[in-house]
Amino acid sequence: MSDEEPQQTEWETEVGLSEETTYVAIYPSRKHAEKWMQEAEEQGYGSRSKYLYELIQEARAARQEGSLATVRTNRRPKNSNRKSSSCRTTSKTLVTPNPAK
């Protein structure tokens, strides 16, 4: 990451994004993408993107409160020395109850 202000790309200007907005690409399984779209529609979101953005913001807030813990594990097939192509990172989210205050 750099300290420079990101500049809006031509694509972002063409599709009408504000200067404060950009895009982030994710690569989920088709099954997850379809499930997220279904959830977004069921909950009245205009797009999957808005739905996912709100879920991320809610998870961030929950994590900051201490009610979410993330465990990351690196999995690599045995007999493989090629780290970049064979290493997969998975993330599991654990929900823990809020401690009594």
PDB file of N, CA and C in Angstrom:
ATOM      1  N   MET A   1       0.844  -1.173   0.000  1.00  0.00           N
ATOM      2  CA  MET A   1       0.000   0.000   0.000  1.00  0.00           C
ATOM      3  C   MET A   1       0.887   1.232   0.000  1.00  0.00           C
ATOM      4  N   SER A   2       0.416   2.260  -0.641  1.00  0.00           N
ATOM      5  CA  SER A   2       1.215   3.476  -0.691  1.00  0.00           C
ATOM      6  C   SER A   2       0.459   4.626  -0.053  1.00  0.00           C
ATOM      7  N   ASP A   3       1.200   5.699   0.214  1.00  0.00           N
ATOM      8  CA  ASP A   3       0.603   6.887   0.816  1.00  0.00           C
ATOM      9  C   ASP A   3      -0.017   7.807  -0.222  1.00  0.00           C
ATOM     10  N   GLU A   4       0.178   7.495  -1.493  1.00  0.00           N
ATOM     11  CA  GLU A   4      -0.355   8.343  -2.560  1.00  0.00           C
ATOM     12  C   GLU A   4      -1.874   8.229  -2.627  1.00  0.00           C
ATOM     13  N   GLU A   5      -2.525   9.351  -2.983  1.00  0.00           N
ATOM     14  CA  GLU A   5      -3.972   9.342  -3.195  1.00  0.00           C
ATOM     15  C   GLU A   5      -4.271   8.555  -4.455  1.00  0.00           C
ATOM     16  N   PRO A   6      -5.159   7.570  -4.391  1.00  0.00           N
ATOM     17  CA  PRO A   6      -5.511   6.829  -5.607  1.00  0.00           C
ATOM     18  C   PRO A   6      -6.269   7.728  -6.576  1.00  0.00           C
ATOM     19  N   GLN A   7      -5.988   7.570  -7.845  1.00  0.00           N
ATOM     20  CA  GLN A   7      -6.648   8.353  -8.874  1.00  0.00           C
ATOM     21  C   GLN A   7      -7.772   7.525  -9.488  1.00  0.00           C
ATOM     22  N   GLN A   8      -8.849   8.194  -9.831  1.00  0.00           N
ATOM     23  CA  GLN A   8      -9.971   7.507 -10.455  1.00  0.00           C
ATOM     24  C   GLN A   8      -9.565   7.060 -11.856  1.00  0.00           C
ATOM     25  N   THR A   9      -9.907   5.816 -12.187  1.00  0.00           N
ATOM     26  CA  THR A   9      -9.567   5.287 -13.501  1.00  0.00           C
ATOM     27  C   THR A   9     -10.600   5.726 -14.523  1.00  0.00           C
ATOM     28  N   GLU A  10     -10.254   5.566 -15.785  1.00  0.00           N
ATOM     29  CA  GLU A  10     -11.177   5.911 -16.868  1.00  0.00           C
ATOM     30  C   GLU A  10     -12.461   5.085 -16.761  1.00  0.00           C
ATOM     31  N   TRP A  11     -12.313   3.805 -16.430  1.00  0.00           N
ATOM     32  CA  TRP A  11     -13.481   2.928 -16.292  1.00  0.00           C
ATOM     33  C   TRP A  11     -14.411   3.436 -15.202  1.00  0.00           C
ATOM     34  N   GLU A  12     -13.863   3.822 -14.061  1.00  0.00           N
ATOM     35  CA  GLU A  12     -14.682   4.309 -12.954  1.00  0.00           C
ATOM     36  C   GLU A  12     -15.437   5.580 -13.340  1.00  0.00           C
ATOM     37  N   THR A  13     -14.789   6.435 -14.113  1.00  0.00           N
ATOM     38  CA  THR A  13     -15.435   7.658 -14.584  1.00  0.00           C
ATOM     39  C   THR A  13     -16.551   7.318 -15.561  1.00  0.00           C
ATOM     40  N   GLU A  14     -16.279   6.386 -16.484  1.00  0.00           N
ATOM     41  CA  GLU A  14     -17.263   6.001 -17.499  1.00  0.00           C
ATOM     42  C   GLU A  14     -18.533   5.410 -16.902  1.00  0.00           C
ATOM     43  N   VAL A  15     -18.402   4.606 -15.835  1.00  0.00           N
ATOM     44  CA  VAL A  15     -19.589   3.990 -15.252  1.00  0.00           C
ATOM     45  C   VAL A  15     -20.268   4.890 -14.227  1.00  0.00           C
ATOM     46  N   GLY A  16     -19.698   6.047 -13.977  1.00  0.00           N
ATOM     47  CA  GLY A  16     -20.341   7.030 -13.120  1.00  0.00           C
ATOM     48  C   GLY A  16     -20.079   6.889 -11.634  1.00  0.00           C
ATOM     49  N   LEU A  17     -18.984   6.242 -11.258  1.00  0.00           N
ATOM     50  CA  LEU A  17     -18.658   6.157  -9.839  1.00  0.00           C
ATOM     51  C   LEU A  17     -18.162   7.512  -9.354  1.00  0.00           C
ATOM     52  N   SER A  18     -18.502   7.846  -8.123  1.00  0.00           N
ATOM     53  CA  SER A  18     -17.997   9.094  -7.564  1.00  0.00           C
ATOM     54  C   SER A  18     -16.493   8.961  -7.348  1.00  0.00           C
ATOM     55  N   GLU A  19     -15.841  10.078  -7.142  1.00  0.00           N
ATOM     56  CA  GLU A  19     -14.390  10.034  -6.921  1.00  0.00           C
ATOM     57  C   GLU A  19     -14.032   9.333  -5.616  1.00  0.00           C
ATOM     58  N   GLU A  20     -14.967   9.216  -4.715  1.00  0.00           N
ATOM     59  CA  GLU A  20     -14.744   8.550  -3.433  1.00  0.00           C
ATOM     60  C   GLU A  20     -14.933   7.035  -3.526  1.00  0.00           C
ATOM     61  N   THR A  21     -15.365   6.547  -4.685  1.00  0.00           N
ATOM     62  CA  THR A  21     -15.723   5.140  -4.847  1.00  0.00           C
ATOM     63  C   THR A  21     -14.768   4.449  -5.805  1.00  0.00           C
ATOM     64  N   THR A  22     -14.464   3.193  -5.530  1.00  0.00           N
ATOM     65  CA  THR A  22     -13.667   2.369  -6.429  1.00  0.00           C
ATOM     66  C   THR A  22     -14.245   0.954  -6.399  1.00  0.00           C
ATOM     67  N   TYR A  23     -13.604   0.019  -7.021  1.00  0.00           N
ATOM     68  CA  TYR A  23     -14.076  -1.356  -7.021  1.00  0.00           C
ATOM     69  C   TYR A  23     -13.007  -2.264  -6.433  1.00  0.00           C
ATOM     70  N   VAL A  24     -13.458  -3.384  -5.918  1.00  0.00           N
ATOM     71  CA  VAL A  24     -12.583  -4.420  -5.394  1.00  0.00           C
ATOM     72  C   VAL A  24     -13.076  -5.736  -5.975  1.00  0.00           C
ATOM     73  N   ALA A  25     -12.182  -6.467  -6.599  1.00  0.00           N
ATOM     74  CA  ALA A  25     -12.563  -7.754  -7.196  1.00  0.00           C
ATOM     75  C   ALA A  25     -12.360  -8.871  -6.180  1.00  0.00           C
ATOM     76  N   ILE A  26     -13.335  -9.779  -6.113  1.00  0.00           N
ATOM     77  CA  ILE A  26     -13.191 -10.998  -5.320  1.00  0.00           C
ATOM     78  C   ILE A  26     -13.519 -12.174  -6.234  1.00  0.00           C
ATOM     79  N   TYR A  27     -13.034 -13.334  -5.902  1.00  0.00           N
ATOM     80  CA  TYR A  27     -13.203 -14.496  -6.755  1.00  0.00           C
ATOM     81  C   TYR A  27     -13.792 -15.665  -5.962  1.00  0.00           C
ATOM     82  N   PRO A  28     -15.087 -15.589  -5.643  1.00  0.00           N
ATOM     83  CA  PRO A  28     -15.726 -16.679  -4.900  1.00  0.00           C
ATOM     84  C   PRO A  28     -16.125 -17.818  -5.829  1.00  0.00           C
ATOM     85  N   SER A  29     -16.525 -18.921  -5.222  1.00  0.00           N
ATOM     86  CA  SER A  29     -17.089 -20.007  -6.027  1.00  0.00           C
ATOM     87  C   SER A  29     -18.413 -19.522  -6.607  1.00  0.00           C
ATOM     88  N   ARG A  30     -18.833 -20.123  -7.698  1.00  0.00           N
ATOM     89  CA  ARG A  30     -20.128 -19.761  -8.294  1.00  0.00           C
ATOM     90  C   ARG A  30     -21.256 -19.973  -7.284  1.00  0.00           C
ATOM     91  N   LYS A  31     -21.143 -21.044  -6.508  1.00  0.00           N
ATOM     92  CA  LYS A  31     -22.160 -21.366  -5.510  1.00  0.00           C
ATOM     93  C   LYS A  31     -22.311 -20.219  -4.507  1.00  0.00           C
ATOM     94  N   HIS A  32     -21.185 -19.707  -4.006  1.00  0.00           N
ATOM     95  CA  HIS A  32     -21.252 -18.593  -3.062  1.00  0.00           C
ATOM     96  C   HIS A  32     -21.794 -17.331  -3.724  1.00  0.00           C
ATOM     97  N   ALA A  33     -21.340 -17.041  -4.924  1.00  0.00           N
ATOM     98  CA  ALA A  33     -21.802 -15.833  -5.623  1.00  0.00           C
ATOM     99  C   ALA A  33     -23.314 -15.874  -5.839  1.00  0.00           C
ATOM    100  N   GLU A  34     -23.822 -17.031  -6.225  1.00  0.00           N
ATOM    101  CA  GLU A  34     -25.273 -17.181  -6.433  1.00  0.00           C
ATOM    102  C   GLU A  34     -26.026 -17.047  -5.117  1.00  0.00           C
ATOM    103  N   LYS A  35     -25.483 -17.633  -4.065  1.00  0.00           N
ATOM    104  CA  LYS A  35     -26.112 -17.547  -2.744  1.00  0.00           C
ATOM    105  C   LYS A  35     -26.167 -16.095  -2.271  1.00  0.00           C
ATOM    106  N   TRP A  36     -25.061 -15.352  -2.448  1.00  0.00           N
ATOM    107  CA  TRP A  36     -25.032 -13.946  -2.050  1.00  0.00           C
ATOM    108  C   TRP A  36     -26.030 -13.122  -2.852  1.00  0.00           C
ATOM    109  N   MET A  37     -26.171 -13.430  -4.134  1.00  0.00           N
ATOM    110  CA  MET A  37     -27.137 -12.705  -4.957  1.00  0.00           C
ATOM    111  C   MET A  37     -28.552 -12.981  -4.468  1.00  0.00           C
ATOM    112  N   GLN A  38     -28.842 -14.237  -4.156  1.00  0.00           N
ATOM    113  CA  GLN A  38     -30.161 -14.615  -3.652  1.00  0.00           C
ATOM    114  C   GLN A  38     -30.442 -13.891  -2.330  1.00  0.00           C
ATOM    115  N   GLU A  39     -29.471 -13.880  -1.426  1.00  0.00           N
ATOM    116  CA  GLU A  39     -29.644 -13.192  -0.146  1.00  0.00           C
ATOM    117  C   GLU A  39     -29.873 -11.695  -0.351  1.00  0.00           C
ATOM    118  N   ALA A  40     -29.113 -11.099  -1.260  1.00  0.00           N
ATOM    119  CA  ALA A  40     -29.260  -9.668  -1.536  1.00  0.00           C
ATOM    120  C   ALA A  40     -30.668  -9.355  -2.039  1.00  0.00           C
ATOM    121  N   GLU A  41     -31.169 -10.169  -2.961  1.00  0.00           N
ATOM    122  CA  GLU A  41     -32.518  -9.969  -3.492  1.00  0.00           C
ATOM    123  C   GLU A  41     -33.571 -10.145  -2.409  1.00  0.00           C
ATOM    124  N   GLU A  42     -33.417 -11.199  -1.594  1.00  0.00           N
ATOM    125  CA  GLU A  42     -34.383 -11.464  -0.528  1.00  0.00           C
ATOM    126  C   GLU A  42     -34.437 -10.338   0.497  1.00  0.00           C
ATOM    127  N   GLN A  43     -33.318  -9.668   0.706  1.00  0.00           N
ATOM    128  CA  GLN A  43     -33.261  -8.604   1.703  1.00  0.00           C
ATOM    129  C   GLN A  43     -33.464  -7.217   1.096  1.00  0.00           C
ATOM    130  N   GLY A  44     -33.774  -7.162  -0.189  1.00  0.00           N
ATOM    131  CA  GLY A  44     -34.130  -5.902  -0.825  1.00  0.00           C
ATOM    132  C   GLY A  44     -32.981  -5.011  -1.253  1.00  0.00           C
ATOM    133  N   TYR A  45     -31.798  -5.578  -1.395  1.00  0.00           N
ATOM    134  CA  TYR A  45     -30.664  -4.785  -1.875  1.00  0.00           C
ATOM    135  C   TYR A  45     -30.747  -4.637  -3.385  1.00  0.00           C
ATOM    136  N   GLY A  46     -30.309  -3.505  -3.885  1.00  0.00           N
ATOM    137  CA  GLY A  46     -30.316  -3.262  -5.317  1.00  0.00           C
ATOM    138  C   GLY A  46     -29.200  -3.984  -6.048  1.00  0.00           C
ATOM    139  N   SER A  47     -28.188  -4.421  -5.302  1.00  0.00           N
ATOM    140  CA  SER A  47     -27.083  -5.140  -5.930  1.00  0.00           C
ATOM    141  C   SER A  47     -26.381  -6.028  -4.915  1.00  0.00           C
ATOM    142  N   ARG A  48     -25.698  -7.013  -5.430  1.00  0.00           N
ATOM    143  CA  ARG A  48     -24.904  -7.900  -4.575  1.00  0.00           C
ATOM    144  C   ARG A  48     -23.764  -7.111  -3.949  1.00  0.00           C
ATOM    145  N   SER A  49     -23.225  -6.165  -4.702  1.00  0.00           N
ATOM    146  CA  SER A  49     -22.125  -5.354  -4.211  1.00  0.00           C
ATOM    147  C   SER A  49     -22.517  -4.589  -2.941  1.00  0.00           C
ATOM    148  N   LYS A  50     -23.681  -3.964  -2.953  1.00  0.00           N
ATOM    149  CA  LYS A  50     -24.145  -3.220  -1.769  1.00  0.00           C
ATOM    150  C   LYS A  50     -24.354  -4.163  -0.593  1.00  0.00           C
ATOM    151  N   TYR A  51     -24.892  -5.337  -0.873  1.00  0.00           N
ATOM    152  CA  TYR A  51     -25.124  -6.333   0.160  1.00  0.00           C
ATOM    153  C   TYR A  51     -23.803  -6.771   0.795  1.00  0.00           C
ATOM    154  N   LEU A  52     -22.824  -7.124  -0.034  1.00  0.00           N
ATOM    155  CA  LEU A  52     -21.530  -7.572   0.480  1.00  0.00           C
ATOM    156  C   LEU A  52     -20.819  -6.461   1.235  1.00  0.00           C
ATOM    157  N   TYR A  53     -20.917  -5.227   0.733  1.00  0.00           N
ATOM    158  CA  TYR A  53     -20.288  -4.093   1.412  1.00  0.00           C
ATOM    159  C   TYR A  53     -20.847  -3.955   2.826  1.00  0.00           C
ATOM    160  N   GLU A  54     -22.163  -4.053   2.952  1.00  0.00           N
ATOM    161  CA  GLU A  54     -22.779  -3.917   4.274  1.00  0.00           C
ATOM    162  C   GLU A  54     -22.379  -5.077   5.185  1.00  0.00           C
ATOM    163  N   LEU A  55     -22.323  -6.296   4.652  1.00  0.00           N
ATOM    164  CA  LEU A  55     -21.887  -7.435   5.460  1.00  0.00           C
ATOM    165  C   LEU A  55     -20.464  -7.229   5.978  1.00  0.00           C
ATOM    166  N   ILE A  56     -19.594  -6.721   5.122  1.00  0.00           N
ATOM    167  CA  ILE A  56     -18.206  -6.469   5.518  1.00  0.00           C
ATOM    168  C   ILE A  56     -18.153  -5.420   6.624  1.00  0.00           C
ATOM    169  N   GLN A  57     -18.924  -4.345   6.468  1.00  0.00           N
ATOM    170  CA  GLN A  57     -18.930  -3.296   7.481  1.00  0.00           C
ATOM    171  C   GLN A  57     -19.474  -3.829   8.814  1.00  0.00           C
ATOM    172  N   GLU A  58     -20.520  -4.654   8.757  1.00  0.00           N
ATOM    173  CA  GLU A  58     -21.074  -5.241   9.979  1.00  0.00           C
ATOM    174  C   GLU A  58     -20.058  -6.171  10.647  1.00  0.00           C
ATOM    175  N   ALA A  59     -19.361  -6.973   9.858  1.00  0.00           N
ATOM    176  CA  ALA A  59     -18.359  -7.888  10.405  1.00  0.00           C
ATOM    177  C   ALA A  59     -17.207  -7.105  11.024  1.00  0.00           C
ATOM    178  N   ARG A  60     -16.798  -6.025  10.390  1.00  0.00           N
ATOM    179  CA  ARG A  60     -15.724  -5.190  10.936  1.00  0.00           C
ATOM    180  C   ARG A  60     -16.137  -4.635  12.297  1.00  0.00           C
ATOM    181  N   ALA A  61     -17.363  -4.126  12.389  1.00  0.00           N
ATOM    182  CA  ALA A  61     -17.852  -3.570  13.656  1.00  0.00           C
ATOM    183  C   ALA A  61     -17.909  -4.653  14.730  1.00  0.00           C
ATOM    184  N   ALA A  62     -18.393  -5.845  14.365  1.00  0.00           N
ATOM    185  CA  ALA A  62     -18.478  -6.946  15.320  1.00  0.00           C
ATOM    186  C   ALA A  62     -17.083  -7.359  15.776  1.00  0.00           C
ATOM    187  N   ARG A  63     -16.142  -7.408  14.872  1.00  0.00           N
ATOM    188  CA  ARG A  63     -14.770  -7.782  15.226  1.00  0.00           C
ATOM    189  C   ARG A  63     -14.169  -6.759  16.183  1.00  0.00           C
ATOM    190  N   GLN A  64     -14.410  -5.480  15.914  1.00  0.00           N
ATOM    191  CA  GLN A  64     -13.877  -4.432  16.784  1.00  0.00           C
ATOM    192  C   GLN A  64     -14.488  -4.502  18.181  1.00  0.00           C
ATOM    193  N   GLU A  65     -15.733  -4.963  18.275  1.00  0.00           N
ATOM    194  CA  GLU A  65     -16.374  -5.149  19.578  1.00  0.00           C
ATOM    195  C   GLU A  65     -15.859  -6.392  20.285  1.00  0.00           C
ATOM    196  N   GLY A  66     -15.169  -7.252  19.552  1.00  0.00           N
ATOM    197  CA  GLY A  66     -14.648  -8.470  20.142  1.00  0.00           C
ATOM    198  C   GLY A  66     -15.561  -9.662  20.008  1.00  0.00           C
ATOM    199  N   SER A  67     -16.616  -9.549  19.198  1.00  0.00           N
ATOM    200  CA  SER A  67     -17.535 -10.670  19.065  1.00  0.00           C
ATOM    201  C   SER A  67     -17.222 -11.569  17.878  1.00  0.00           C
ATOM    202  N   LEU A  68     -16.226 -11.215  17.069  1.00  0.00           N
ATOM    203  CA  LEU A  68     -15.783 -12.071  15.963  1.00  0.00           C
ATOM    204  C   LEU A  68     -14.301 -12.356  16.130  1.00  0.00           C
ATOM    205  N   ALA A  69     -13.911 -13.572  15.849  1.00  0.00           N
ATOM    206  CA  ALA A  69     -12.500 -13.935  15.830  1.00  0.00           C
ATOM    207  C   ALA A  69     -12.242 -14.631  14.515  1.00  0.00           C
ATOM    208  N   THR A  70     -11.167 -14.295  13.844  1.00  0.00           N
ATOM    209  CA  THR A  70     -10.838 -14.918  12.568  1.00  0.00           C
ATOM    210  C   THR A  70      -9.619 -15.806  12.742  1.00  0.00           C
ATOM    211  N   VAL A  71      -9.722 -17.022  12.259  1.00  0.00           N
ATOM    212  CA  VAL A  71      -8.627 -17.968  12.283  1.00  0.00           C
ATOM    213  C   VAL A  71      -8.212 -18.201  10.843  1.00  0.00           C
ATOM    214  N   ARG A  72      -6.950 -17.941  10.514  1.00  0.00           N
ATOM    215  CA  ARG A  72      -6.465 -18.156   9.152  1.00  0.00           C
ATOM    216  C   ARG A  72      -5.549 -19.365   9.145  1.00  0.00           C
ATOM    217  N   THR A  73      -5.737 -20.197   8.147  1.00  0.00           N
ATOM    218  CA  THR A  73      -4.885 -21.369   8.011  1.00  0.00           C
ATOM    219  C   THR A  73      -4.329 -21.410   6.604  1.00  0.00           C
ATOM    220  N   ASN A  74      -3.087 -21.804   6.475  1.00  0.00           N
ATOM    221  CA  ASN A  74      -2.474 -21.985   5.165  1.00  0.00           C
ATOM    222  C   ASN A  74      -2.420 -23.471   4.890  1.00  0.00           C
ATOM    223  N   ARG A  75      -2.935 -23.844   3.716  1.00  0.00           N
ATOM    224  CA  ARG A  75      -2.919 -25.246   3.325  1.00  0.00           C
ATOM    225  C   ARG A  75      -2.108 -25.374   2.050  1.00  0.00           C
ATOM    226  N   ARG A  76      -1.193 -26.320   2.030  1.00  0.00           N
ATOM    227  CA  ARG A  76      -0.397 -26.575   0.844  1.00  0.00           C
ATOM    228  C   ARG A  76      -0.299 -28.075   0.664  1.00  0.00           C
ATOM    229  N   PRO A  77      -0.525 -28.537  -0.562  1.00  0.00           N
ATOM    230  CA  PRO A  77      -0.430 -29.985  -0.790  1.00  0.00           C
ATOM    231  C   PRO A  77       0.954 -30.510  -0.430  1.00  0.00           C
ATOM    232  N   LYS A  78       1.003 -31.752   0.072  1.00  0.00           N
ATOM    233  CA  LYS A  78       2.288 -32.381   0.376  1.00  0.00           C
ATOM    234  C   LYS A  78       3.086 -32.546  -0.909  1.00  0.00           C
ATOM    235  N   ASN A  79       4.395 -32.647  -0.777  1.00  0.00           N
ATOM    236  CA  ASN A  79       5.312 -32.835  -1.907  1.00  0.00           C
ATOM    237  C   ASN A  79       5.308 -31.655  -2.858  1.00  0.00           C
ATOM    238  N   SER A  80       5.022 -30.489  -2.368  1.00  0.00           N
ATOM    239  CA  SER A  80       5.022 -29.324  -3.246  1.00  0.00           C
ATOM    240  C   SER A  80       5.989 -28.279  -2.701  1.00  0.00           C
ATOM    241  N   ASN A  81       6.913 -27.855  -3.535  1.00  0.00           N
ATOM    242  CA  ASN A  81       7.861 -26.819  -3.145  1.00  0.00           C
ATOM    243  C   ASN A  81       7.493 -25.466  -3.723  1.00  0.00           C
ATOM    244  N   ARG A  82       6.502 -25.439  -4.613  1.00  0.00           N
ATOM    245  CA  ARG A  82       6.112 -24.184  -5.262  1.00  0.00           C
ATOM    246  C   ARG A  82       5.081 -23.486  -4.409  1.00  0.00           C
ATOM    247  N   LYS A  83       5.529 -22.516  -3.627  1.00  0.00           N
ATOM    248  CA  LYS A  83       4.665 -21.840  -2.682  1.00  0.00           C
ATOM    249  C   LYS A  83       3.590 -21.005  -3.360  1.00  0.00           C
ATOM    250  N   SER A  84       3.950 -20.221  -4.369  1.00  0.00           N
ATOM    251  CA  SER A  84       3.015 -19.264  -4.937  1.00  0.00           C
ATOM    252  C   SER A  84       1.818 -19.912  -5.625  1.00  0.00           C
ATOM    253  N   SER A  85       2.008 -21.027  -6.313  1.00  0.00           N
ATOM    254  CA  SER A  85       0.888 -21.599  -7.034  1.00  0.00           C
ATOM    255  C   SER A  85       0.127 -22.648  -6.237  1.00  0.00           C
ATOM    256  N   SER A  86       0.742 -23.202  -5.208  1.00  0.00           N
ATOM    257  CA  SER A  86       0.080 -24.287  -4.516  1.00  0.00           C
ATOM    258  C   SER A  86      -0.442 -23.914  -3.131  1.00  0.00           C
ATOM    259  N   CYS A  87      -0.067 -22.790  -2.626  1.00  0.00           N
ATOM    260  CA  CYS A  87      -0.484 -22.398  -1.289  1.00  0.00           C
ATOM    261  C   CYS A  87      -1.868 -21.762  -1.339  1.00  0.00           C
ATOM    262  N   ARG A  88      -2.785 -22.312  -0.558  1.00  0.00           N
ATOM    263  CA  ARG A  88      -4.129 -21.758  -0.478  1.00  0.00           C
ATOM    264  C   ARG A  88      -4.341 -21.257   0.930  1.00  0.00           C
ATOM    265  N   THR A  89      -4.912 -20.080   1.048  1.00  0.00           N
ATOM    266  CA  THR A  89      -5.245 -19.553   2.360  1.00  0.00           C
ATOM    267  C   THR A  89      -6.740 -19.617   2.524  1.00  0.00           C
ATOM    268  N   THR A  90      -7.170 -20.159   3.627  1.00  0.00           N
ATOM    269  CA  THR A  90      -8.596 -20.183   3.919  1.00  0.00           C
ATOM    270  C   THR A  90      -8.821 -19.390   5.188  1.00  0.00           C
ATOM    271  N   SER A  91      -9.996 -18.898   5.324  1.00  0.00           N
ATOM    272  CA  SER A  91     -10.338 -18.108   6.495  1.00  0.00           C
ATOM    273  C   SER A  91     -11.623 -18.654   7.081  1.00  0.00           C
ATOM    274  N   LYS A  92     -11.630 -18.844   8.373  1.00  0.00           N
ATOM    275  CA  LYS A  92     -12.825 -19.310   9.067  1.00  0.00           C
ATOM    276  C   LYS A  92     -13.199 -18.246  10.089  1.00  0.00           C
ATOM    277  N   THR A  93     -14.442 -17.894  10.128  1.00  0.00           N
ATOM    278  CA  THR A  93     -14.898 -16.893  11.077  1.00  0.00           C
ATOM    279  C   THR A  93     -15.652 -17.580  12.202  1.00  0.00           C
ATOM    280  N   LEU A  94     -15.251 -17.287  13.409  1.00  0.00           N
ATOM    281  CA  LEU A  94     -15.876 -17.856  14.575  1.00  0.00           C
ATOM    282  C   LEU A  94     -16.662 -16.753  15.275  1.00  0.00           C
ATOM    283  N   VAL A  95     -17.893 -17.026  15.599  1.00  0.00           N
ATOM    284  CA  VAL A  95     -18.711 -16.061  16.311  1.00  0.00           C
ATOM    285  C   VAL A  95     -18.676 -16.441  17.779  1.00  0.00           C
ATOM    286  N   THR A  96     -18.309 -15.474  18.607  1.00  0.00           N
ATOM    287  CA  THR A  96     -18.258 -15.712  20.040  1.00  0.00           C
ATOM    288  C   THR A  96     -19.234 -14.758  20.719  1.00  0.00           C
ATOM    289  N   PRO A  97     -19.830 -15.181  21.816  1.00  0.00           N
ATOM    290  CA  PRO A  97     -20.765 -14.287  22.497  1.00  0.00           C
ATOM    291  C   PRO A  97     -20.029 -13.096  23.086  1.00  0.00           C
ATOM    292  N   ASN A  98     -20.747 -11.969  23.174  1.00  0.00           N
ATOM    293  CA  ASN A  98     -20.177 -10.783  23.796  1.00  0.00           C
ATOM    294  C   ASN A  98     -19.941 -11.060  25.273  1.00  0.00           C
ATOM    295  N   PRO A  99     -18.778 -10.650  25.773  1.00  0.00           N
ATOM    296  CA  PRO A  99     -18.529 -10.851  27.201  1.00  0.00           C
ATOM    297  C   PRO A  99     -19.469  -9.960  28.022  1.00  0.00           C
ATOM    298  N   ALA A 100     -19.826 -10.407  29.191  1.00  0.00           N
ATOM    299  CA  ALA A 100     -20.686  -9.609  30.070  1.00  0.00           C
ATOM    300  C   ALA A 100     -19.972  -8.327  30.436  1.00  0.00           C
ATOM    301  N   LYS A 101     -20.714  -7.235  30.354  1.00  0.00           N
ATOM    302  CA  LYS A 101     -20.111  -5.935  30.652  1.00  0.00           C
ATOM    303  C   LYS A 101     -20.618  -5.397  31.956  1.00  0.00           C
TER     304      LYS A 101
END
